[in-house]
């Protein structure tokens, strides 16, 4: 639980700790940002009260880039994609990127 809170705090703290975290598997990756969700397609699927909790995310899968939004759910990042798909990635899989 402490790690989940640390990840959330790290992302919300801004440049002091980390603006982004990345999880990778081979050439595929998911990048979480501390910026508010900017995907209108995702935001339009949600109740207005939930929109402010979501943060920006980008996934690269098989060379294709997908916009998404995310929120901490337990010990995982819950991702919501523009096409309506969803996914969970354990917070322990995310690291501070070594390059942008």
Protein backbone atom coordinates (compact mmCIF):
# COMPACT_ATOMS: atom_id res chain seq x y z
CA UNK A 1 0.00 0.00 0.00
CA UNK A 2 2.84 2.38 0.78
CA UNK A 3 4.31 1.85 -2.69
CA UNK A 4 0.97 2.71 -4.32
CA UNK A 5 0.76 5.90 -2.30
CA UNK A 6 4.38 6.72 -3.15
CA UNK A 7 3.71 6.31 -6.88
CA UNK A 8 0.64 8.51 -6.69
CA UNK A 9 2.51 11.12 -4.65
CA UNK A 10 5.49 11.00 -7.03
CA UNK A 11 3.30 11.70 -10.03
CA UNK A 12 1.30 14.42 -8.32
CA UNK A 13 4.37 16.13 -6.85
CA UNK A 14 5.39 17.32 -10.29
CA UNK A 15 8.98 18.05 -11.27
CA UNK A 16 10.29 17.65 -7.74
CA UNK A 17 10.11 13.84 -8.04
CA UNK A 18 8.90 12.70 -11.47
CA UNK A 19 6.55 13.94 -14.16
CA UNK A 20 6.32 10.55 -15.80
CA UNK A 21 6.69 6.85 -15.12
CA UNK A 22 7.17 4.12 -17.73
CA UNK A 23 6.48 0.38 -17.81
CA UNK A 24 7.99 -1.62 -20.66
CA UNK A 25 7.76 -5.14 -22.01
CA UNK A 26 9.96 -5.67 -25.05
CA UNK A 27 9.18 -2.87 -27.52
CA UNK A 28 5.78 -2.17 -25.94
CA UNK A 29 5.45 0.49 -23.24
CA UNK A 30 3.02 2.55 -21.21
CA UNK A 31 3.95 6.07 -20.09
CA UNK A 32 2.00 7.61 -17.22
CA UNK A 33 1.97 11.38 -16.83
CA UNK A 34 1.04 13.60 -13.90
CA UNK A 35 -0.80 15.93 -16.32
CA UNK A 36 -4.60 15.91 -16.34
CA UNK A 37 -6.23 13.59 -18.85
CA UNK A 38 -6.41 15.31 -22.25
CA UNK A 39 -8.19 12.62 -24.26
CA UNK A 40 -11.68 13.89 -25.06
CA UNK A 41 -12.64 10.39 -26.25
CA UNK A 42 -11.90 8.95 -22.79
CA UNK A 43 -13.33 11.88 -20.87
CA UNK A 44 -16.60 11.75 -22.82
CA UNK A 45 -17.12 8.15 -21.66
CA UNK A 46 -17.03 9.11 -17.97
CA UNK A 47 -19.24 10.84 -15.44
CA UNK A 48 -18.05 14.47 -15.08
CA UNK A 49 -17.15 13.95 -11.39
CA UNK A 50 -14.63 11.23 -12.33
CA UNK A 51 -12.84 13.27 -15.00
CA UNK A 52 -10.68 15.34 -12.65
CA UNK A 53 -9.11 12.23 -11.10
CA UNK A 54 -7.70 10.95 -14.39
CA UNK A 55 -4.19 11.64 -15.65
CA UNK A 56 -2.67 11.39 -19.14
CA UNK A 57 -1.12 8.19 -20.47
CA UNK A 58 0.31 6.96 -23.75
CA UNK A 59 0.80 3.34 -24.78
CA UNK A 60 2.95 2.01 -27.61
CA UNK A 61 1.89 -1.49 -28.66
CA UNK A 62 3.39 -3.20 -31.70
CA UNK A 63 4.66 0.17 -32.92
CA UNK A 64 1.28 1.91 -32.70
CA UNK A 65 0.66 4.77 -30.26
CA UNK A 66 -2.56 4.92 -28.26
CA UNK A 67 -3.80 7.77 -26.05
CA UNK A 68 -5.22 6.80 -22.68
CA UNK A 69 -5.96 8.11 -19.22
CA UNK A 70 -5.20 6.48 -15.90
CA UNK A 71 -5.91 6.44 -12.18
CA UNK A 72 -4.42 4.47 -9.28
CA UNK A 73 -6.62 1.51 -8.34
CA UNK A 74 -5.22 -0.46 -5.43
CA UNK A 75 -1.71 -1.53 -6.42
CA UNK A 76 -2.21 -0.91 -10.13
CA UNK A 77 -2.60 1.80 -12.73
CA UNK A 78 -6.07 1.44 -14.25
CA UNK A 79 -5.83 2.58 -17.87
CA UNK A 80 -8.79 3.69 -19.96
CA UNK A 81 -8.14 3.83 -23.71
CA UNK A 82 -9.88 5.96 -26.35
CA UNK A 83 -11.50 2.91 -27.96
CA UNK A 84 -13.14 1.94 -24.64
CA UNK A 85 -10.62 -0.79 -23.80
CA UNK A 86 -9.21 -0.92 -20.26
CA UNK A 87 -6.19 -2.42 -18.58
CA UNK A 88 -4.43 -2.80 -15.24
CA UNK A 89 -0.66 -2.62 -14.83
CA UNK A 90 0.93 -3.19 -11.41
CA UNK A 91 2.49 0.00 -10.06
CA UNK A 92 5.68 -1.92 -9.28
CA UNK A 93 6.26 -2.27 -13.04
CA UNK A 94 6.66 1.50 -13.49
CA UNK A 95 10.03 3.23 -13.35
CA UNK A 96 11.26 6.79 -13.79
CA UNK A 97 12.36 6.99 -17.46
CA UNK A 98 16.05 7.46 -18.13
CA UNK A 99 15.30 9.48 -21.28
CA UNK A 100 12.29 11.28 -22.73
